[in-house]
């Protein structure tokens, strides 16, 4: 079996968030759902001090189904953040990582 890592950068616009506390509440819930539903490792990597924009990075590890799981993750995020989101994805095999 081949092993893959898929890294998905998620840029979000949270139009309904009016302060940092509201943003943290939305992100805490979203990150927990991504971890539980997709087994993703999730981190906020940008936009810490802005209350309507943020960037998350999600990592998925597995076999050949990783790309399909990333598609599902993106659809899940789009359904919960209709104000705007953009994705960028990198898929690496274990051989790519080892060099």
PDB file of N, CA and C in Angstrom:
ATOM      1  N   UNK A   1       0.842  -1.185   0.000  1.00  0.00           N
ATOM      2  CA  UNK A   1       0.000   0.000   0.000  1.00  0.00           C
ATOM      3  C   UNK A   1       0.886   1.247   0.000  1.00  0.00           C
ATOM      4  N   UNK A   2       0.494   2.216  -0.776  1.00  0.00           N
ATOM      5  CA  UNK A   2       1.223   3.485  -0.814  1.00  0.00           C
ATOM      6  C   UNK A   2       0.624   4.427   0.222  1.00  0.00           C
ATOM      7  N   UNK A   3       1.466   5.232   0.819  1.00  0.00           N
ATOM      8  CA  UNK A   3       1.028   6.199   1.828  1.00  0.00           C
ATOM      9  C   UNK A   3       1.107   7.604   1.245  1.00  0.00           C
ATOM     10  N   UNK A   4       0.113   8.419   1.577  1.00  0.00           N
ATOM     11  CA  UNK A   4       0.039   9.789   1.073  1.00  0.00           C
ATOM     12  C   UNK A   4      -0.274  10.756   2.209  1.00  0.00           C
ATOM     13  N   UNK A   5       0.176  11.985   2.018  1.00  0.00           N
ATOM     14  CA  UNK A   5      -0.184  13.100   2.887  1.00  0.00           C
ATOM     15  C   UNK A   5      -0.803  14.166   1.997  1.00  0.00           C
ATOM     16  N   UNK A   6      -1.993  14.608   2.355  1.00  0.00           N
ATOM     17  CA  UNK A   6      -2.654  15.690   1.626  1.00  0.00           C
ATOM     18  C   UNK A   6      -2.768  16.881   2.573  1.00  0.00           C
ATOM     19  N   UNK A   7      -2.210  17.996   2.169  1.00  0.00           N
ATOM     20  CA  UNK A   7      -2.264  19.222   2.960  1.00  0.00           C
ATOM     21  C   UNK A   7      -3.205  20.185   2.243  1.00  0.00           C
ATOM     22  N   UNK A   8      -4.243  20.618   2.961  1.00  0.00           N
ATOM     23  CA  UNK A   8      -5.247  21.515   2.394  1.00  0.00           C
ATOM     24  C   UNK A   8      -5.187  22.847   3.139  1.00  0.00           C
ATOM     25  N   UNK A   9      -4.880  23.912   2.409  1.00  0.00           N
ATOM     26  CA  UNK A   9      -4.921  25.261   2.972  1.00  0.00           C
ATOM     27  C   UNK A   9      -6.327  25.802   2.735  1.00  0.00           C
ATOM     28  N   UNK A  10      -6.957  26.278   3.804  1.00  0.00           N
ATOM     29  CA  UNK A  10      -8.330  26.771   3.746  1.00  0.00           C
ATOM     30  C   UNK A  10      -8.333  28.240   4.155  1.00  0.00           C
ATOM     31  N   UNK A  11      -8.648  29.121   3.211  1.00  0.00           N
ATOM     32  CA  UNK A  11      -8.759  30.547   3.515  1.00  0.00           C
ATOM     33  C   UNK A  11     -10.238  30.878   3.664  1.00  0.00           C
ATOM     34  N   UNK A  12     -10.605  31.408   4.834  1.00  0.00           N
ATOM     35  CA  UNK A  12     -12.011  31.646   5.160  1.00  0.00           C
ATOM     36  C   UNK A  12     -12.307  33.123   5.356  1.00  0.00           C
ATOM     37  N   UNK A  13     -13.498  33.508   4.925  1.00  0.00           N
ATOM     38  CA  UNK A  13     -14.056  34.821   5.253  1.00  0.00           C
ATOM     39  C   UNK A  13     -15.291  34.554   6.102  1.00  0.00           C
ATOM     40  N   UNK A  14     -15.296  35.079   7.318  1.00  0.00           N
ATOM     41  CA  UNK A  14     -16.388  34.849   8.266  1.00  0.00           C
ATOM     42  C   UNK A  14     -17.197  36.132   8.410  1.00  0.00           C
ATOM     43  N   UNK A  15     -18.126  36.345   7.502  1.00  0.00           N
ATOM     44  CA  UNK A  15     -18.891  37.588   7.443  1.00  0.00           C
ATOM     45  C   UNK A  15     -19.742  37.817   8.684  1.00  0.00           C
ATOM     46  N   UNK A  16     -20.245  36.748   9.298  1.00  0.00           N
ATOM     47  CA  UNK A  16     -21.120  36.887  10.467  1.00  0.00           C
ATOM     48  C   UNK A  16     -20.355  37.077  11.767  1.00  0.00           C
ATOM     49  N   UNK A  17     -19.054  36.999  11.725  1.00  0.00           N
ATOM     50  CA  UNK A  17     -18.239  37.190  12.916  1.00  0.00           C
ATOM     51  C   UNK A  17     -17.997  38.687  13.119  1.00  0.00           C
ATOM     52  N   UNK A  18     -18.319  39.175  14.317  1.00  0.00           N
ATOM     53  CA  UNK A  18     -18.209  40.610  14.592  1.00  0.00           C
ATOM     54  C   UNK A  18     -17.121  40.960  15.601  1.00  0.00           C
ATOM     55  N   UNK A  19     -16.453  39.946  16.132  1.00  0.00           N
ATOM     56  CA  UNK A  19     -15.333  40.181  17.036  1.00  0.00           C
ATOM     57  C   UNK A  19     -14.501  38.905  17.122  1.00  0.00           C
ATOM     58  N   UNK A  20     -13.357  38.991  17.780  1.00  0.00           N
ATOM     59  CA  UNK A  20     -12.470  37.834  17.868  1.00  0.00           C
ATOM     60  C   UNK A  20     -13.098  36.691  18.658  1.00  0.00           C
ATOM     61  N   UNK A  21     -13.897  37.020  19.662  1.00  0.00           N
ATOM     62  CA  UNK A  21     -14.556  35.980  20.456  1.00  0.00           C
ATOM     63  C   UNK A  21     -15.520  35.168  19.593  1.00  0.00           C
ATOM     64  N   UNK A  22     -16.286  35.849  18.751  1.00  0.00           N
ATOM     65  CA  UNK A  22     -17.206  35.164  17.847  1.00  0.00           C
ATOM     66  C   UNK A  22     -16.470  34.298  16.838  1.00  0.00           C
ATOM     67  N   UNK A  23     -15.357  34.818  16.334  1.00  0.00           N
ATOM     68  CA  UNK A  23     -14.543  34.061  15.378  1.00  0.00           C
ATOM     69  C   UNK A  23     -13.983  32.801  16.030  1.00  0.00           C
ATOM     70  N   UNK A  24     -13.461  32.932  17.249  1.00  0.00           N
ATOM     71  CA  UNK A  24     -12.898  31.778  17.953  1.00  0.00           C
ATOM     72  C   UNK A  24     -13.951  30.693  18.164  1.00  0.00           C
ATOM     73  N   UNK A  25     -15.175  31.109  18.468  1.00  0.00           N
ATOM     74  CA  UNK A  25     -16.264  30.148  18.685  1.00  0.00           C
ATOM     75  C   UNK A  25     -16.541  29.352  17.408  1.00  0.00           C
ATOM     76  N   UNK A  26     -16.630  30.051  16.282  1.00  0.00           N
ATOM     77  CA  UNK A  26     -16.877  29.389  14.998  1.00  0.00           C
ATOM     78  C   UNK A  26     -15.720  28.454  14.649  1.00  0.00           C
ATOM     79  N   UNK A  27     -14.492  28.939  14.800  1.00  0.00           N
ATOM     80  CA  UNK A  27     -13.323  28.132  14.436  1.00  0.00           C
ATOM     81  C   UNK A  27     -13.147  26.921  15.343  1.00  0.00           C
ATOM     82  N   UNK A  28     -13.404  27.090  16.626  1.00  0.00           N
ATOM     83  CA  UNK A  28     -13.282  25.967  17.557  1.00  0.00           C
ATOM     84  C   UNK A  28     -14.213  24.831  17.130  1.00  0.00           C
ATOM     85  N   UNK A  29     -15.443  25.178  16.800  1.00  0.00           N
ATOM     86  CA  UNK A  29     -16.414  24.181  16.357  1.00  0.00           C
ATOM     87  C   UNK A  29     -15.994  23.545  15.033  1.00  0.00           C
ATOM     88  N   UNK A  30     -15.597  24.366  14.066  1.00  0.00           N
ATOM     89  CA  UNK A  30     -15.210  23.851  12.756  1.00  0.00           C
ATOM     90  C   UNK A  30     -13.997  22.929  12.862  1.00  0.00           C
ATOM     91  N   UNK A  31     -12.985  23.336  13.612  1.00  0.00           N
ATOM     92  CA  UNK A  31     -11.780  22.511  13.747  1.00  0.00           C
ATOM     93  C   UNK A  31     -12.105  21.173  14.410  1.00  0.00           C
ATOM     94  N   UNK A  32     -12.957  21.190  15.428  1.00  0.00           N
ATOM     95  CA  UNK A  32     -13.348  19.945  16.098  1.00  0.00           C
ATOM     96  C   UNK A  32     -14.087  19.019  15.134  1.00  0.00           C
ATOM     97  N   UNK A  33     -14.971  19.576  14.317  1.00  0.00           N
ATOM     98  CA  UNK A  33     -15.709  18.762  13.352  1.00  0.00           C
ATOM     99  C   UNK A  33     -14.780  18.171  12.297  1.00  0.00           C
ATOM    100  N   UNK A  34     -13.806  18.938  11.832  1.00  0.00           N
ATOM    101  CA  UNK A  34     -12.857  18.425  10.841  1.00  0.00           C
ATOM    102  C   UNK A  34     -12.008  17.297  11.422  1.00  0.00           C
ATOM    103  N   UNK A  35     -11.642  17.434  12.682  1.00  0.00           N
ATOM    104  CA  UNK A  35     -10.866  16.375  13.337  1.00  0.00           C
ATOM    105  C   UNK A  35     -11.699  15.102  13.487  1.00  0.00           C
ATOM    106  N   UNK A  36     -12.931  15.264  13.969  1.00  0.00           N
ATOM    107  CA  UNK A  36     -13.783  14.101  14.231  1.00  0.00           C
ATOM    108  C   UNK A  36     -14.253  13.429  12.947  1.00  0.00           C
ATOM    109  N   UNK A  37     -14.724  14.208  11.996  1.00  0.00           N
ATOM    110  CA  UNK A  37     -15.338  13.659  10.784  1.00  0.00           C
ATOM    111  C   UNK A  37     -14.305  13.111   9.796  1.00  0.00           C
ATOM    112  N   UNK A  38     -13.166  13.797   9.670  1.00  0.00           N
ATOM    113  CA  UNK A  38     -12.192  13.429   8.641  1.00  0.00           C
ATOM    114  C   UNK A  38     -10.866  12.923   9.199  1.00  0.00           C
ATOM    115  N   UNK A  39     -10.687  12.977  10.509  1.00  0.00           N
ATOM    116  CA  UNK A  39      -9.419  12.567  11.097  1.00  0.00           C
ATOM    117  C   UNK A  39      -8.281  13.500  10.730  1.00  0.00           C
ATOM    118  N   UNK A  40      -8.609  14.749  10.454  1.00  0.00           N
ATOM    119  CA  UNK A  40      -7.617  15.729  10.010  1.00  0.00           C
ATOM    120  C   UNK A  40      -6.892  16.351  11.199  1.00  0.00           C
ATOM    121  N   UNK A  41      -5.637  16.664  10.991  1.00  0.00           N
ATOM    122  CA  UNK A  41      -4.923  17.547  11.907  1.00  0.00           C
ATOM    123  C   UNK A  41      -5.172  18.953  11.389  1.00  0.00           C
ATOM    124  N   UNK A  42      -5.545  19.873  12.286  1.00  0.00           N
ATOM    125  CA  UNK A  42      -5.967  21.210  11.862  1.00  0.00           C
ATOM    126  C   UNK A  42      -5.262  22.263  12.705  1.00  0.00           C
ATOM    127  N   UNK A  43      -4.774  23.316  12.033  1.00  0.00           N
ATOM    128  CA  UNK A  43      -4.133  24.429  12.736  1.00  0.00           C
ATOM    129  C   UNK A  43      -4.502  25.739  12.056  1.00  0.00           C
ATOM    130  N   UNK A  44      -4.731  26.766  12.866  1.00  0.00           N
ATOM    131  CA  UNK A  44      -4.910  28.121  12.337  1.00  0.00           C
ATOM    132  C   UNK A  44      -3.513  28.700  12.154  1.00  0.00           C
ATOM    133  N   UNK A  45      -3.183  29.115  10.922  1.00  0.00           N
ATOM    134  CA  UNK A  45      -1.821  29.554  10.634  1.00  0.00           C
ATOM    135  C   UNK A  45      -1.715  31.028  10.261  1.00  0.00           C
ATOM    136  N   UNK A  46      -2.841  31.697  10.048  1.00  0.00           N
ATOM    137  CA  UNK A  46      -2.807  33.114   9.677  1.00  0.00           C
ATOM    138  C   UNK A  46      -4.139  33.751  10.040  1.00  0.00           C
ATOM    139  N   UNK A  47      -4.107  35.052  10.234  1.00  0.00           N
ATOM    140  CA  UNK A  47      -5.324  35.793  10.539  1.00  0.00           C
ATOM    141  C   UNK A  47      -5.722  35.738  11.996  1.00  0.00           C
ATOM    142  N   UNK A  48      -4.766  35.506  12.876  1.00  0.00           N
ATOM    143  CA  UNK A  48      -5.074  35.381  14.303  1.00  0.00           C
ATOM    144  C   UNK A  48      -5.701  36.645  14.885  1.00  0.00           C
ATOM    145  N   UNK A  49      -5.298  37.796  14.407  1.00  0.00           N
ATOM    146  CA  UNK A  49      -5.758  39.055  14.990  1.00  0.00           C
ATOM    147  C   UNK A  49      -6.857  39.731  14.185  1.00  0.00           C
ATOM    148  N   UNK A  50      -7.340  39.100  13.143  1.00  0.00           N
ATOM    149  CA  UNK A  50      -8.453  39.659  12.372  1.00  0.00           C
ATOM    150  C   UNK A  50      -9.703  38.861  12.696  1.00  0.00           C
ATOM    151  N   UNK A  51     -10.848  39.520  12.713  1.00  0.00           N
ATOM    152  CA  UNK A  51     -12.046  38.817  13.157  1.00  0.00           C
ATOM    153  C   UNK A  51     -12.922  38.313  12.020  1.00  0.00           C
ATOM    154  N   UNK A  52     -12.595  38.616  10.770  1.00  0.00           N
ATOM    155  CA  UNK A  52     -13.403  38.089   9.674  1.00  0.00           C
ATOM    156  C   UNK A  52     -12.622  37.205   8.706  1.00  0.00           C
ATOM    157  N   UNK A  53     -11.330  37.127   8.849  1.00  0.00           N
ATOM    158  CA  UNK A  53     -10.530  36.299   7.931  1.00  0.00           C
ATOM    159  C   UNK A  53      -9.575  35.411   8.725  1.00  0.00           C
ATOM    160  N   UNK A  54      -9.362  34.230   8.184  1.00  0.00           N
ATOM    161  CA  UNK A  54      -8.404  33.317   8.801  1.00  0.00           C
ATOM    162  C   UNK A  54      -7.935  32.301   7.769  1.00  0.00           C
ATOM    163  N   UNK A  55      -6.836  31.655   8.083  1.00  0.00           N
ATOM    164  CA  UNK A  55      -6.332  30.567   7.249  1.00  0.00           C
ATOM    165  C   UNK A  55      -6.078  29.357   8.135  1.00  0.00           C
ATOM    166  N   UNK A  56      -6.662  28.236   7.734  1.00  0.00           N
ATOM    167  CA  UNK A  56      -6.435  26.964   8.405  1.00  0.00           C
ATOM    168  C   UNK A  56      -5.619  26.073   7.481  1.00  0.00           C
ATOM    169  N   UNK A  57      -4.828  25.192   8.070  1.00  0.00           N
ATOM    170  CA  UNK A  57      -4.165  24.140   7.310  1.00  0.00           C
ATOM    171  C   UNK A  57      -4.622  22.812   7.899  1.00  0.00           C
ATOM    172  N   UNK A  58      -5.093  21.937   7.011  1.00  0.00           N
ATOM    173  CA  UNK A  58      -5.567  20.613   7.403  1.00  0.00           C
ATOM    174  C   UNK A  58      -4.674  19.566   6.752  1.00  0.00           C
ATOM    175  N   UNK A  59      -4.277  18.563   7.520  1.00  0.00           N
ATOM    176  CA  UNK A  59      -3.458  17.475   6.982  1.00  0.00           C
ATOM    177  C   UNK A  59      -4.216  16.160   7.113  1.00  0.00           C
ATOM    178  N   UNK A  60      -4.271  15.433   6.008  1.00  0.00           N
ATOM    179  CA  UNK A  60      -4.892  14.114   5.967  1.00  0.00           C
ATOM    180  C   UNK A  60      -3.823  13.107   5.567  1.00  0.00           C
ATOM    181  N   UNK A  61      -3.791  11.972   6.240  1.00  0.00           N
ATOM    182  CA  UNK A  61      -2.802  10.940   5.956  1.00  0.00           C
ATOM    183  C   UNK A  61      -3.536   9.636   5.684  1.00  0.00           C
ATOM    184  N   UNK A  62      -3.090   8.907   4.671  1.00  0.00           N
ATOM    185  CA  UNK A  62      -3.716   7.622   4.387  1.00  0.00           C
ATOM    186  C   UNK A  62      -3.261   7.057   3.070  1.00  0.00           C
ATOM    187  N   UNK A  63      -4.088   6.158   2.545  1.00  0.00           N
ATOM    188  CA  UNK A  63      -3.791   5.505   1.276  1.00  0.00           C
ATOM    189  C   UNK A  63      -4.317   6.310   0.109  1.00  0.00           C
ATOM    190  N   UNK A  64      -4.695   5.605  -0.937  1.00  0.00           N
ATOM    191  CA  UNK A  64      -5.124   6.241  -2.173  1.00  0.00           C
ATOM    192  C   UNK A  64      -6.407   7.030  -2.079  1.00  0.00           C
ATOM    193  N   UNK A  65      -7.149   6.890  -0.980  1.00  0.00           N
ATOM    194  CA  UNK A  65      -8.412   7.619  -0.828  1.00  0.00           C
ATOM    195  C   UNK A  65      -8.233   9.023  -0.261  1.00  0.00           C
ATOM    196  N   UNK A  66      -7.014   9.442  -0.004  1.00  0.00           N
ATOM    197  CA  UNK A  66      -6.775  10.740   0.636  1.00  0.00           C
ATOM    198  C   UNK A  66      -7.317  11.897  -0.208  1.00  0.00           C
ATOM    199  N   UNK A  67      -7.159  11.837  -1.514  1.00  0.00           N
ATOM    200  CA  UNK A  67      -7.682  12.898  -2.378  1.00  0.00           C
ATOM    201  C   UNK A  67      -9.190  12.998  -2.298  1.00  0.00           C
ATOM    202  N   UNK A  68      -9.868  11.849  -2.243  1.00  0.00           N
ATOM    203  CA  UNK A  68     -11.329  11.834  -2.112  1.00  0.00           C
ATOM    204  C   UNK A  68     -11.755  12.423  -0.768  1.00  0.00           C
ATOM    205  N   UNK A  69     -11.040  12.071   0.297  1.00  0.00           N
ATOM    206  CA  UNK A  69     -11.346  12.631   1.622  1.00  0.00           C
ATOM    207  C   UNK A  69     -11.132  14.140   1.632  1.00  0.00           C
ATOM    208  N   UNK A  70     -10.120  14.622   0.920  1.00  0.00           N
ATOM    209  CA  UNK A  70      -9.880  16.068   0.830  1.00  0.00           C
ATOM    210  C   UNK A  70     -11.024  16.754   0.087  1.00  0.00           C
ATOM    211  N   UNK A  71     -11.549  16.124  -0.972  1.00  0.00           N
ATOM    212  CA  UNK A  71     -12.721  16.671  -1.674  1.00  0.00           C
ATOM    213  C   UNK A  71     -13.896  16.819  -0.716  1.00  0.00           C
ATOM    214  N   UNK A  72     -14.141  15.780   0.075  1.00  0.00           N
ATOM    215  CA  UNK A  72     -15.246  15.810   1.035  1.00  0.00           C
ATOM    216  C   UNK A  72     -15.023  16.884   2.098  1.00  0.00           C
ATOM    217  N   UNK A  73     -13.788  17.022   2.568  1.00  0.00           N
ATOM    218  CA  UNK A  73     -13.462  18.047   3.558  1.00  0.00           C
ATOM    219  C   UNK A  73     -13.759  19.435   2.997  1.00  0.00           C
ATOM    220  N   UNK A  74     -13.368  19.691   1.755  1.00  0.00           N
ATOM    221  CA  UNK A  74     -13.610  20.998   1.139  1.00  0.00           C
ATOM    222  C   UNK A  74     -15.109  21.271   1.004  1.00  0.00           C
ATOM    223  N   UNK A  75     -15.885  20.278   0.578  1.00  0.00           N
ATOM    224  CA  UNK A  75     -17.340  20.462   0.476  1.00  0.00           C
ATOM    225  C   UNK A  75     -17.955  20.736   1.845  1.00  0.00           C
ATOM    226  N   UNK A  76     -17.467  20.044   2.862  1.00  0.00           N
ATOM    227  CA  UNK A  76     -17.949  20.232   4.227  1.00  0.00           C
ATOM    228  C   UNK A  76     -17.709  21.669   4.685  1.00  0.00           C
ATOM    229  N   UNK A  77     -16.499  22.185   4.453  1.00  0.00           N
ATOM    230  CA  UNK A  77     -16.168  23.558   4.854  1.00  0.00           C
ATOM    231  C   UNK A  77     -17.019  24.559   4.073  1.00  0.00           C
ATOM    232  N   UNK A  78     -17.170  24.361   2.767  1.00  0.00           N
ATOM    233  CA  UNK A  78     -17.979  25.275   1.946  1.00  0.00           C
ATOM    234  C   UNK A  78     -19.414  25.345   2.441  1.00  0.00           C
ATOM    235  N   UNK A  79     -19.969  24.220   2.877  1.00  0.00           N
ATOM    236  CA  UNK A  79     -21.346  24.187   3.363  1.00  0.00           C
ATOM    237  C   UNK A  79     -21.500  24.944   4.679  1.00  0.00           C
ATOM    238  N   UNK A  80     -20.447  25.004   5.479  1.00  0.00           N
ATOM    239  CA  UNK A  80     -20.527  25.666   6.778  1.00  0.00           C
ATOM    240  C   UNK A  80     -20.027  27.105   6.763  1.00  0.00           C
ATOM    241  N   UNK A  81     -19.347  27.499   5.715  1.00  0.00           N
ATOM    242  CA  UNK A  81     -18.796  28.854   5.606  1.00  0.00           C
ATOM    243  C   UNK A  81     -19.179  29.446   4.253  1.00  0.00           C
ATOM    244  N   UNK A  82     -20.460  29.738   4.059  1.00  0.00           N
ATOM    245  CA  UNK A  82     -20.925  30.196   2.742  1.00  0.00           C
ATOM    246  C   UNK A  82     -20.476  31.609   2.372  1.00  0.00           C
ATOM    247  N   UNK A  83     -19.907  32.360   3.317  1.00  0.00           N
ATOM    248  CA  UNK A  83     -19.495  33.740   3.038  1.00  0.00           C
ATOM    249  C   UNK A  83     -18.256  33.810   2.162  1.00  0.00           C
ATOM    250  N   UNK A  84     -17.543  32.738   2.060  1.00  0.00           N
ATOM    251  CA  UNK A  84     -16.374  32.722   1.192  1.00  0.00           C
ATOM    252  C   UNK A  84     -15.271  31.847   1.730  1.00  0.00           C
ATOM    253  N   UNK A  85     -14.787  30.970   0.882  1.00  0.00           N
ATOM    254  CA  UNK A  85     -13.636  30.152   1.237  1.00  0.00           C
ATOM    255  C   UNK A  85     -12.899  29.779  -0.044  1.00  0.00           C
ATOM    256  N   UNK A  86     -11.611  29.607   0.116  1.00  0.00           N
ATOM    257  CA  UNK A  86     -10.762  29.209  -1.008  1.00  0.00           C
ATOM    258  C   UNK A  86      -9.821  28.124  -0.506  1.00  0.00           C
ATOM    259  N   UNK A  87      -9.475  27.223  -1.410  1.00  0.00           N
ATOM    260  CA  UNK A  87      -8.660  26.076  -1.036  1.00  0.00           C
ATOM    261  C   UNK A  87      -7.445  25.964  -1.939  1.00  0.00           C
ATOM    262  N   UNK A  88      -6.368  25.479  -1.351  1.00  0.00           N
ATOM    263  CA  UNK A  88      -5.186  25.092  -2.112  1.00  0.00           C
ATOM    264  C   UNK A  88      -4.713  23.771  -1.522  1.00  0.00           C
ATOM    265  N   UNK A  89      -4.370  22.839  -2.387  1.00  0.00           N
ATOM    266  CA  UNK A  89      -4.087  21.483  -1.932  1.00  0.00           C
ATOM    267  C   UNK A  89      -2.763  20.984  -2.496  1.00  0.00           C
ATOM    268  N   UNK A  90      -2.022  20.264  -1.658  1.00  0.00           N
ATOM    269  CA  UNK A  90      -0.809  19.569  -2.090  1.00  0.00           C
ATOM    270  C   UNK A  90      -0.931  18.113  -1.658  1.00  0.00           C
ATOM    271  N   UNK A  91      -0.678  17.206  -2.580  1.00  0.00           N
ATOM    272  CA  UNK A  91      -0.720  15.775  -2.304  1.00  0.00           C
ATOM    273  C   UNK A  91       0.682  15.212  -2.500  1.00  0.00           C
ATOM    274  N   UNK A  92       1.210  14.605  -1.452  1.00  0.00           N
ATOM    275  CA  UNK A  92       2.571  14.066  -1.488  1.00  0.00           C
ATOM    276  C   UNK A  92       2.555  12.591  -1.125  1.00  0.00           C
ATOM    277  N   UNK A  93       3.339  11.817  -1.842  1.00  0.00           N
ATOM    278  CA  UNK A  93       3.513  10.413  -1.462  1.00  0.00           C
ATOM    279  C   UNK A  93       4.630  10.335  -0.423  1.00  0.00           C
ATOM    280  N   UNK A  94       4.688   9.218   0.251  1.00  0.00           N
ATOM    281  CA  UNK A  94       5.765   9.019   1.219  1.00  0.00           C
ATOM    282  C   UNK A  94       7.124   9.097   0.527  1.00  0.00           C
ATOM    283  N   UNK A  95       7.198   8.611  -0.705  1.00  0.00           N
ATOM    284  CA  UNK A  95       8.450   8.698  -1.474  1.00  0.00           C
ATOM    285  C   UNK A  95       8.825  10.154  -1.746  1.00  0.00           C
ATOM    286  N   UNK A  96       7.821  11.017  -2.036  1.00  0.00           N
ATOM    287  CA  UNK A  96       8.088  12.445  -2.242  1.00  0.00           C
ATOM    288  C   UNK A  96       8.667  13.076  -0.984  1.00  0.00           C
ATOM    289  N   UNK A  97       8.115  12.712   0.153  1.00  0.00           N
ATOM    290  CA  UNK A  97       8.543  13.299   1.421  1.00  0.00           C
ATOM    291  C   UNK A  97       9.960  12.856   1.768  1.00  0.00           C
ATOM    292  N   UNK A  98      10.241  11.607   1.531  1.00  0.00           N
ATOM    293  CA  UNK A  98      11.579  11.081   1.843  1.00  0.00           C
ATOM    294  C   UNK A  98      12.645  11.609   0.897  1.00  0.00           C
ATOM    295  N   UNK A  99      12.206  12.066  -0.280  1.00  0.00           N
ATOM    296  CA  UNK A  99      13.140  12.647  -1.248  1.00  0.00           C
ATOM    297  C   UNK A  99      13.792  11.603  -2.042  1.00  0.00           C
TER     298      UNK A  99
END
